[in-house]
Amino acid sequence: MERVLHHVRALHRLEPANADQLAALRVALSVAVPSLLLLAAGRADLIIYAVFGALTGMYGRSEPHQLRILHQSQAALVLLGGVSVGVFLSVNHIHSWALVAIEAALAGLGSIYSDRVRLKPNGPFFGILALGACASVPMAVPWYTAVLIAAGSAAFAAVVGFAGWVRRRRWQRGAVRIPAASQPLDHRAMLIHAARYVLAVGAAGTIGVLTGSGHPHWAMAAAAVPLAGADLPSSVRRGIHRIVGTFVGLAVTAVVILPAPWTLPGLFPGQQAVVLALLVVLFQFTTELFMTRHYGLAMVSFTPVILLMTQLAAPADPGVLILERAIETLVGALMGIAVVVAVRRRGSRSPALLLGLARRPRH
């Protein structure tokens, strides 16, 4: 019972701050510049590609500059790979089952790659999120334009991340990146971890397609979230944080996009694109501010980012959009937790023992 209470308290524990404001400012700047340039050019619908490229700035936040630039270059491959595949699927109108199969397969490959190069945030989550989001919106420009926008934003984010070196000019020779606790180090463990991604993402996408959802990729992305946990309790916490944080974030999103006199569209008629673009930057700042301290609080901000970008790229019924996001997140997160429980790593203990619901054996 004591272990159960410990895990319950961990759900709302806020981890200590670690220069979070500086990291959040770097990411917000990386998102703001390309997004505002596109807004000024009258192409707010292309902001989605700029934001996914700019998420490169989320990686290597507390590392020395020579490690950060390498880390962000490796992360950019995951993000740009997701954008490129998503754009390809959109151009060729490939959806439903083909999307599920391709995204599940790339989730497995992305897992192996992120484990091998030790990405942090670990796992292929942002890559498969970019893939599904870009595949779900129609192309309004040539495919290479979208990819170049994402690549330019990624390069700008890397420049912002390295800019501090100009002032300090510090170079730590022999610095190495420390892998996250959840990252497997041997080949067999990497393959098992990748198989879990394929299973969870594929199963969540299958459910999304069978239920007729317009955004099954949201379920697939949510299914990947628990798999980044270091152990079973942390995986379950991440899944719960994903669900609760998304639901609260959807309430925030409703105030922003629902057509009512008391919402932002009613307060700023005719300026919706400007308002949404500015809020994407603001919410990305608060997302990064809490990303390492409390995943659930980060999701309260990240949920509006995804929905506002989607609404700018391909306007849809806000009520349907919010409802589908809620359902797909719930389905995906629960599927991810189920896979974590069913397919455990070598040497891991039983779920009941890990969660404190059974007594440890005496030796």
Protein backbone atom coordinates (compact mmCIF):
# COMPACT_ATOMS: atom_id res chain seq x y z
CA MET A 1 0.00 0.00 0.00
CA GLU A 2 2.88 2.34 0.77
CA ARG A 3 4.28 1.82 -2.74
CA VAL A 4 0.86 2.49 -4.26
CA LEU A 5 0.60 5.78 -2.35
CA HIS A 6 4.12 6.66 -3.50
CA HIS A 7 3.10 6.21 -7.14
CA VAL A 8 -0.12 8.18 -6.63
CA ARG A 9 1.83 11.09 -5.11
CA ALA A 10 4.26 10.91 -8.03
CA LEU A 11 1.39 11.70 -10.42
CA HIS A 12 1.22 15.31 -9.23
CA ARG A 13 4.83 15.79 -8.14
CA LEU A 14 6.58 18.73 -9.79
CA GLU A 15 10.25 17.97 -10.44
CA PRO A 16 12.92 20.58 -9.57
CA ALA A 17 13.56 23.33 -12.11
CA ASN A 18 16.72 23.19 -14.22
CA ALA A 19 17.09 26.38 -16.25
CA ASP A 20 13.72 25.60 -17.83
CA GLN A 21 13.01 29.24 -18.73
CA LEU A 22 16.10 29.47 -20.92
CA ALA A 23 15.33 26.23 -22.75
CA ALA A 24 11.70 27.30 -23.20
CA LEU A 25 12.79 30.66 -24.61
CA ARG A 26 15.07 28.95 -27.12
CA VAL A 27 12.27 26.71 -28.34
CA ALA A 28 9.74 29.56 -28.43
CA LEU A 29 12.14 31.68 -30.49
CA SER A 30 12.78 28.74 -32.83
CA VAL A 31 9.02 28.41 -33.38
CA ALA A 32 8.21 32.13 -33.45
CA VAL A 33 10.56 33.38 -36.18
CA PRO A 34 9.58 31.01 -39.02
CA SER A 35 5.92 31.02 -37.94
CA LEU A 36 5.64 34.80 -37.90
CA LEU A 37 7.44 35.03 -41.25
CA LEU A 38 4.87 32.69 -42.76
CA LEU A 39 2.07 34.65 -41.11
CA ALA A 40 3.42 37.90 -42.57
CA ALA A 41 3.54 36.22 -45.99
CA GLY A 42 -0.11 35.27 -45.65
CA ARG A 43 0.61 31.52 -45.41
CA ALA A 44 -0.50 30.62 -41.92
CA ASP A 45 -1.54 27.23 -43.31
CA LEU A 46 2.14 26.30 -43.65
CA ILE A 47 3.02 26.98 -40.01
CA ILE A 48 2.52 23.29 -39.20
CA TYR A 49 5.69 22.39 -41.16
CA ALA A 50 7.69 25.18 -39.53
CA VAL A 51 6.70 24.09 -36.03
CA PHE A 52 7.63 20.46 -36.54
CA GLY A 53 11.04 21.51 -37.84
CA ALA A 54 11.49 23.92 -34.93
CA LEU A 55 10.87 21.12 -32.41
CA THR A 56 14.51 20.27 -33.06
CA GLY A 57 15.20 22.86 -30.35
CA MET A 58 13.65 20.59 -27.71
CA TYR A 59 16.63 18.24 -27.82
CA GLY A 60 19.91 18.62 -25.94
CA ARG A 61 18.48 21.35 -23.70
CA SER A 62 20.98 20.95 -20.84
CA GLU A 63 24.01 19.66 -22.74
CA PRO A 64 27.28 21.42 -23.62
CA HIS A 65 27.10 23.21 -26.97
CA GLN A 66 29.16 20.68 -28.94
CA LEU A 67 26.86 17.87 -27.76
CA ARG A 68 23.72 19.93 -28.26
CA ILE A 69 24.47 20.69 -31.91
CA LEU A 70 25.14 17.00 -32.57
CA HIS A 71 22.06 15.96 -30.62
CA GLN A 72 19.82 18.40 -32.47
CA SER A 73 21.24 17.34 -35.84
CA GLN A 74 20.35 13.74 -35.03
CA ALA A 75 16.88 14.75 -33.81
CA ALA A 76 16.30 16.79 -36.97
CA LEU A 77 16.62 13.58 -39.01
CA VAL A 78 13.72 12.07 -37.06
CA LEU A 79 11.53 15.16 -37.40
CA LEU A 80 12.33 15.85 -41.05
CA GLY A 81 11.91 12.16 -41.83
CA GLY A 82 8.43 12.26 -40.29
CA VAL A 83 7.50 15.44 -42.16
CA SER A 84 8.83 14.08 -45.48
CA VAL A 85 6.98 10.77 -45.21
CA GLY A 86 3.81 12.56 -44.09
CA VAL A 87 4.02 14.97 -47.04
CA PHE A 88 4.54 12.02 -49.41
CA LEU A 89 1.44 10.29 -48.03
CA SER A 90 -0.59 13.48 -48.31
CA VAL A 91 0.47 14.15 -51.90
CA ASN A 92 -0.45 10.60 -52.92
CA HIS A 93 -3.66 10.57 -50.83
CA ILE A 94 -2.52 7.53 -48.87
CA HIS A 95 -4.61 7.19 -45.71
CA SER A 96 -6.25 4.62 -43.45
CA TRP A 97 -4.63 1.19 -43.44
CA ALA A 98 -1.55 2.19 -45.41
CA LEU A 99 -0.95 5.09 -43.02
CA VAL A 100 -1.23 2.74 -40.03
CA ALA A 101 1.21 0.23 -41.52
CA ILE A 102 3.76 2.84 -42.56
CA GLU A 103 3.61 4.79 -39.29
CA ALA A 104 3.87 1.62 -37.18
CA ALA A 105 6.89 0.42 -39.17
CA LEU A 106 8.62 3.79 -38.94
CA ALA A 107 7.88 3.92 -35.20
CA GLY A 108 9.91 0.73 -34.84
CA LEU A 109 12.76 2.03 -36.97
CA GLY A 110 12.66 5.37 -35.16
CA SER A 111 12.85 3.57 -31.83
CA ILE A 112 16.01 1.74 -32.85
CA TYR A 113 17.59 4.92 -34.18
CA SER A 114 16.71 7.04 -31.14
CA ASP A 115 18.03 4.34 -28.78
CA ARG A 116 21.24 3.98 -30.76
CA VAL A 117 22.04 7.71 -30.85
CA ARG A 118 20.54 8.27 -27.36
CA LEU A 119 18.00 10.95 -28.18
CA LYS A 120 16.44 12.84 -25.29
CA PRO A 121 13.44 13.25 -25.25
CA ASN A 122 13.86 9.59 -26.12
CA GLY A 123 11.82 7.62 -28.59
CA PRO A 124 10.32 8.40 -32.00
CA PHE A 125 7.23 10.22 -30.63
CA PHE A 126 7.75 13.60 -32.31
CA GLY A 127 8.73 11.98 -35.60
CA ILE A 128 5.58 9.85 -35.85
CA LEU A 129 3.48 12.78 -34.63
CA ALA A 130 4.87 14.88 -37.49
CA LEU A 131 4.26 12.05 -39.95
CA GLY A 132 0.60 11.61 -39.02
CA ALA A 133 -0.14 15.32 -38.79
CA CYS A 134 1.42 16.14 -42.17
CA ALA A 135 -0.28 13.17 -43.82
CA SER A 136 -3.68 14.34 -42.53
CA VAL A 137 -3.65 17.81 -44.10
CA PRO A 138 -4.00 18.46 -47.84
CA MET A 139 -1.00 19.88 -49.66
CA ALA A 140 -1.48 23.52 -50.68
CA VAL A 141 2.10 23.94 -52.00
CA PRO A 142 4.59 21.71 -53.84
CA TRP A 143 5.87 18.93 -51.59
CA TYR A 144 9.42 20.25 -51.59
CA THR A 145 8.25 23.63 -50.28
CA ALA A 146 6.81 22.00 -47.16
CA VAL A 147 9.96 19.96 -46.59
CA LEU A 148 12.21 22.99 -47.11
CA ILE A 149 10.16 25.00 -44.59
CA ALA A 150 10.61 22.24 -42.01
CA ALA A 151 14.33 21.93 -42.81
CA GLY A 152 14.86 25.68 -42.58
CA SER A 153 13.10 25.79 -39.20
CA ALA A 154 15.20 22.87 -37.94
CA ALA A 155 18.40 24.61 -39.04
CA PHE A 156 17.32 27.85 -37.37
CA ALA A 157 16.53 25.97 -34.13
CA ALA A 158 20.03 24.46 -34.19
CA VAL A 159 21.54 27.92 -34.69
CA VAL A 160 19.54 29.25 -31.73
CA GLY A 161 20.68 26.30 -29.61
CA PHE A 162 24.34 26.90 -30.49
CA ALA A 163 24.24 30.71 -30.22
CA GLY A 164 25.18 30.68 -26.53
CA TRP A 165 28.61 29.36 -27.42
CA VAL A 166 29.47 32.67 -29.10
CA ARG A 167 29.12 34.42 -25.75
CA ARG A 168 30.76 31.79 -23.53
CA ARG A 169 33.11 30.11 -26.02
CA ARG A 170 33.36 27.00 -23.89
CA TRP A 171 34.18 23.63 -25.40
CA GLN A 172 34.20 20.58 -23.16
CA ARG A 173 36.56 18.07 -24.68
CA GLY A 174 35.62 14.45 -24.21
CA ALA A 175 32.02 15.26 -23.27
CA VAL A 176 29.64 12.36 -23.90
CA ARG A 177 25.88 12.13 -23.79
CA ILE A 178 24.40 10.18 -20.90
CA PRO A 179 21.61 7.84 -22.07
CA ALA A 180 18.16 8.12 -20.51
CA ALA A 181 17.26 5.46 -17.94
CA SER A 182 14.60 4.08 -20.28
CA GLN A 183 16.94 3.59 -23.24
CA PRO A 184 18.09 -0.01 -23.80
CA LEU A 185 21.78 -0.42 -24.52
CA ASP A 186 22.09 -3.91 -26.09
CA HIS A 187 20.77 -4.99 -29.49
CA ARG A 188 18.24 -7.49 -28.17
CA ALA A 189 16.71 -4.94 -25.81
CA MET A 190 16.55 -2.39 -28.64
CA LEU A 191 14.69 -4.85 -30.86
CA ILE A 192 12.21 -5.68 -28.09
CA HIS A 193 11.68 -1.98 -27.45
CA ALA A 194 11.12 -1.36 -31.17
CA ALA A 195 8.66 -4.27 -31.35
CA ARG A 196 6.64 -2.69 -28.55
CA TYR A 197 6.41 0.53 -30.56
CA VAL A 198 5.27 -1.35 -33.66
CA LEU A 199 2.67 -3.29 -31.68
CA ALA A 200 1.29 -0.33 -29.70
CA VAL A 201 1.24 2.15 -32.58
CA GLY A 202 -0.17 -0.38 -35.04
CA ALA A 203 -2.89 -1.56 -32.65
CA ALA A 204 -3.95 1.98 -31.74
CA GLY A 205 -4.09 2.98 -35.40
CA THR A 206 -6.12 -0.12 -36.25
CA ILE A 207 -8.70 0.78 -33.62
CA GLY A 208 -8.80 4.34 -34.94
CA VAL A 209 -9.47 3.19 -38.50
CA LEU A 210 -12.08 0.60 -37.48
CA THR A 211 -14.00 3.19 -35.45
CA GLY A 212 -14.05 5.60 -38.40
CA SER A 213 -11.95 8.31 -36.78
CA GLY A 214 -10.75 11.11 -38.99
CA HIS A 215 -7.46 11.32 -37.09
CA PRO A 216 -6.22 7.80 -36.24
CA HIS A 217 -2.67 9.18 -36.14
CA TRP A 218 -3.51 10.88 -32.84
CA ALA A 219 -4.16 7.47 -31.28
CA MET A 220 -0.90 6.16 -32.73
CA ALA A 221 1.10 9.06 -31.30
CA ALA A 222 -0.57 8.69 -27.89
CA ALA A 223 0.25 4.97 -27.85
CA ALA A 224 3.96 5.80 -28.12
CA VAL A 225 3.95 7.98 -25.00
CA PRO A 226 3.98 5.30 -22.25
CA LEU A 227 6.76 3.39 -24.04
CA ALA A 228 9.23 6.17 -23.22
CA GLY A 229 8.96 5.46 -19.48
CA ALA A 230 11.96 4.03 -17.65
CA ASP A 231 9.89 1.32 -15.93
CA LEU A 232 6.28 0.20 -15.53
CA PRO A 233 5.22 2.80 -12.92
CA SER A 234 6.70 5.68 -14.91
CA SER A 235 5.12 4.34 -18.11
CA VAL A 236 1.70 4.22 -16.45
CA ARG A 237 2.21 7.73 -15.08
CA ARG A 238 3.10 9.04 -18.53
CA GLY A 239 -0.03 7.44 -19.94
CA ILE A 240 -2.22 8.99 -17.23
CA HIS A 241 -0.51 12.35 -17.65
CA ARG A 242 -1.14 12.13 -21.38
CA ILE A 243 -4.85 11.50 -20.90
CA VAL A 244 -5.53 14.02 -18.13
CA GLY A 245 -3.24 16.70 -19.60
CA THR A 246 -4.85 16.32 -23.02
CA PHE A 247 -8.37 16.59 -21.61
CA VAL A 248 -7.49 19.79 -19.74
CA GLY A 249 -5.70 21.06 -22.83
CA LEU A 250 -8.84 20.42 -24.88
CA ALA A 251 -10.80 22.68 -22.53
CA VAL A 252 -8.22 25.38 -23.18
CA THR A 253 -8.45 24.72 -26.91
CA ALA A 254 -12.24 25.05 -26.81
CA VAL A 255 -11.90 28.60 -25.52
CA VAL A 256 -9.62 29.36 -28.44
CA ILE A 257 -11.38 27.82 -31.44
CA LEU A 258 -15.07 27.26 -30.66
CA PRO A 259 -17.27 29.85 -32.42
CA ALA A 260 -18.98 31.56 -29.49
CA PRO A 261 -19.12 35.18 -28.25
CA TRP A 262 -17.03 34.29 -25.18
CA THR A 263 -14.22 32.58 -27.13
CA LEU A 264 -11.29 34.19 -28.93
CA PRO A 265 -12.89 33.95 -32.40
CA GLY A 266 -15.81 35.94 -31.03
CA LEU A 267 -13.55 38.51 -29.36
CA PHE A 268 -11.26 38.97 -32.39
CA PRO A 269 -13.43 38.52 -35.48
CA GLY A 270 -11.49 38.34 -38.73
CA GLN A 271 -8.14 37.89 -36.95
CA GLN A 272 -8.33 34.19 -36.20
CA ALA A 273 -5.16 33.20 -38.11
CA VAL A 274 -3.10 35.85 -36.32
CA VAL A 275 -4.45 34.86 -32.91
CA LEU A 276 -3.90 31.15 -33.50
CA ALA A 277 -0.34 31.66 -34.76
CA LEU A 278 0.61 33.76 -31.74
CA LEU A 279 -0.94 31.23 -29.38
CA VAL A 280 1.05 28.41 -30.99
CA VAL A 281 4.24 30.24 -30.00
CA LEU A 282 2.97 30.97 -26.48
CA PHE A 283 1.79 27.43 -25.84
CA GLN A 284 5.02 25.95 -27.17
CA PHE A 285 6.90 28.07 -24.63
CA THR A 286 4.82 26.76 -21.72
CA THR A 287 5.08 23.22 -23.10
CA GLU A 288 8.86 23.29 -22.91
CA LEU A 289 8.72 25.05 -19.56
CA PHE A 290 7.12 21.98 -17.94
CA MET A 291 8.25 19.16 -20.24
CA THR A 292 10.89 17.78 -17.84
CA ARG A 293 9.13 18.81 -14.63
CA HIS A 294 5.61 17.42 -15.16
CA TYR A 295 4.54 15.73 -18.38
CA GLY A 296 0.83 16.23 -17.69
CA LEU A 297 1.22 20.02 -17.34
CA ALA A 298 3.24 20.07 -20.54
CA MET A 299 0.37 18.29 -22.33
CA VAL A 300 -2.06 21.00 -21.22
CA SER A 301 -0.11 23.37 -23.48
CA PHE A 302 1.01 20.95 -26.19
CA THR A 303 -2.55 19.83 -26.96
CA PRO A 304 -3.58 23.33 -28.15
CA VAL A 305 -0.36 23.57 -30.19
CA ILE A 306 -1.28 20.47 -32.21
CA LEU A 307 -4.94 21.40 -32.67
CA LEU A 308 -4.25 25.03 -33.56
CA MET A 309 -1.67 24.01 -36.18
CA THR A 310 -4.14 21.51 -37.61
CA GLN A 311 -6.88 24.12 -37.70
CA LEU A 312 -4.61 26.60 -39.48
CA ALA A 313 -3.56 24.00 -42.07
CA ALA A 314 -6.96 22.39 -42.67
CA PRO A 315 -9.91 24.11 -40.93
CA ALA A 316 -12.52 21.66 -39.65
CA ASP A 317 -15.49 21.58 -37.30
CA PRO A 318 -13.90 22.54 -33.94
CA GLY A 319 -16.32 20.41 -31.95
CA VAL A 320 -15.54 17.28 -33.97
CA LEU A 321 -11.82 18.03 -33.80
CA ILE A 322 -11.87 18.29 -30.00
CA LEU A 323 -14.01 15.17 -29.57
CA GLU A 324 -11.81 13.05 -31.83
CA ARG A 325 -8.67 14.25 -30.07
CA ALA A 326 -10.12 13.19 -26.72
CA ILE A 327 -11.19 9.74 -27.92
CA GLU A 328 -8.01 8.99 -29.85
CA THR A 329 -5.78 10.08 -26.97
CA LEU A 330 -7.67 7.87 -24.52
CA VAL A 331 -7.54 4.85 -26.84
CA GLY A 332 -3.89 5.34 -27.73
CA ALA A 333 -2.60 5.93 -24.21
CA LEU A 334 -4.46 2.91 -22.84
CA MET A 335 -3.12 0.77 -25.68
CA GLY A 336 0.42 1.94 -24.93
CA ILE A 337 0.04 1.07 -21.25
CA ALA A 338 -1.36 -2.35 -22.17
CA VAL A 339 1.63 -3.11 -24.39
CA VAL A 340 4.07 -2.00 -21.66
CA VAL A 341 2.39 -4.43 -19.25
CA ALA A 342 2.18 -7.29 -21.77
CA VAL A 343 5.63 -7.00 -23.35
CA ARG A 344 8.12 -6.36 -20.59
CA ARG A 345 11.87 -6.06 -20.86
CA ARG A 346 14.23 -8.85 -19.94
CA GLY A 347 14.69 -9.10 -16.21
CA SER A 348 11.68 -6.93 -15.36
CA ARG A 349 9.44 -8.01 -12.55
CA SER A 350 5.73 -8.72 -12.57
CA PRO A 351 3.34 -5.76 -12.96
CA ALA A 352 1.81 -6.41 -9.53
CA LEU A 353 5.22 -6.37 -7.84
CA LEU A 354 6.37 -3.28 -9.70
CA LEU A 355 3.23 -1.41 -8.72
CA GLY A 356 3.45 -2.49 -5.09
CA LEU A 357 0.37 -4.72 -5.25
CA ALA A 358 2.27 -7.88 -4.30
CA ARG A 359 4.93 -8.71 -1.76
CA ARG A 360 8.54 -9.20 -2.76
CA PRO A 361 9.76 -12.78 -2.40
CA ARG A 362 12.01 -13.47 0.57
CA HIS A 363 15.42 -15.04 -0.07
